[in-house]
Protein backbone atom coordinates (compact mmCIF):
# COMPACT_ATOMS: atom_id res chain seq x y z
CA MET A 1 -20.57 -10.09 0.43
CA ALA A 2 -18.18 -7.73 -1.31
CA TYR A 3 -15.44 -8.77 -3.69
CA HIS A 4 -12.42 -7.09 -5.18
CA LEU A 5 -10.97 -8.16 -8.50
CA VAL A 6 -7.37 -8.96 -9.36
CA VAL A 7 -6.38 -8.73 -13.03
CA THR A 8 -4.87 -11.95 -14.41
CA THR A 9 -4.69 -10.91 -18.09
CA PRO A 10 -4.08 -7.27 -19.07
CA PHE A 11 -6.96 -5.35 -20.66
CA GLY A 12 -7.55 -1.66 -21.34
CA ASP A 13 -5.29 0.30 -19.00
CA ARG A 14 -5.22 -2.54 -16.45
CA GLN A 15 -2.07 -4.60 -15.92
CA ARG A 16 -1.65 -8.07 -14.47
CA GLY A 17 -1.85 -7.85 -10.67
CA ASP A 18 -3.92 -4.67 -10.54
CA THR A 19 -6.63 -4.70 -7.88
CA ILE A 20 -10.06 -3.26 -8.65
CA THR A 21 -11.94 -2.21 -5.53
CA ASP A 22 -14.70 0.09 -6.79
CA GLN A 23 -17.86 -2.04 -6.49
CA ALA A 24 -19.57 -0.40 -9.49
CA GLU A 25 -16.54 -1.18 -11.65
CA VAL A 26 -16.35 -4.73 -10.23
CA ALA A 27 -19.98 -5.32 -11.26
CA ARG A 28 -19.41 -3.82 -14.72
CA ILE A 29 -16.34 -5.97 -15.38
CA LEU A 30 -17.99 -9.18 -14.14
CA ALA A 31 -20.97 -8.53 -16.43
CA GLY A 32 -18.79 -7.78 -19.47
CA GLU A 33 -16.22 -9.24 -21.81
CA GLN A 34 -13.34 -8.86 -19.34
CA ALA A 35 -14.83 -11.19 -16.72
CA ASP A 36 -12.46 -13.97 -17.80
CA LYS A 37 -9.44 -11.68 -17.28
CA VAL A 38 -9.92 -11.24 -13.53
CA VAL A 39 -10.38 -13.33 -10.40
CA LYS A 40 -12.67 -12.46 -7.50
CA VAL A 41 -11.09 -12.01 -4.09
CA GLN A 42 -13.30 -11.93 -1.02
CA VAL A 43 -13.00 -8.73 0.97
CA PRO A 44 -12.32 -9.43 4.65
CA VAL A 45 -15.14 -8.45 6.96
CA GLU A 46 -14.13 -5.45 9.01
CA THR A 47 -14.52 -5.92 12.72
CA PRO A 48 -14.45 -3.20 15.33
CA ALA A 49 -11.05 -2.61 16.87
CA ALA A 50 -10.52 -4.34 20.18
CA VAL A 51 -11.17 -2.10 23.14
CA GLN A 52 -8.16 -1.76 25.38
CA GLU A 53 -8.83 -1.98 29.05
CA GLY A 54 -6.48 -0.06 31.10
């Protein structure tokens, strides 16, 4: 399951409310000192668009 991060406490060049979507960066942040400055947000599962019958 994929997660995005939302910054709760500024760090580096990140400001409160920034969203981090790059999965490599998400993993790096969660494994490092900034893990307590973000919250994980579950990424919605993408479903195929509904097929219109016409």
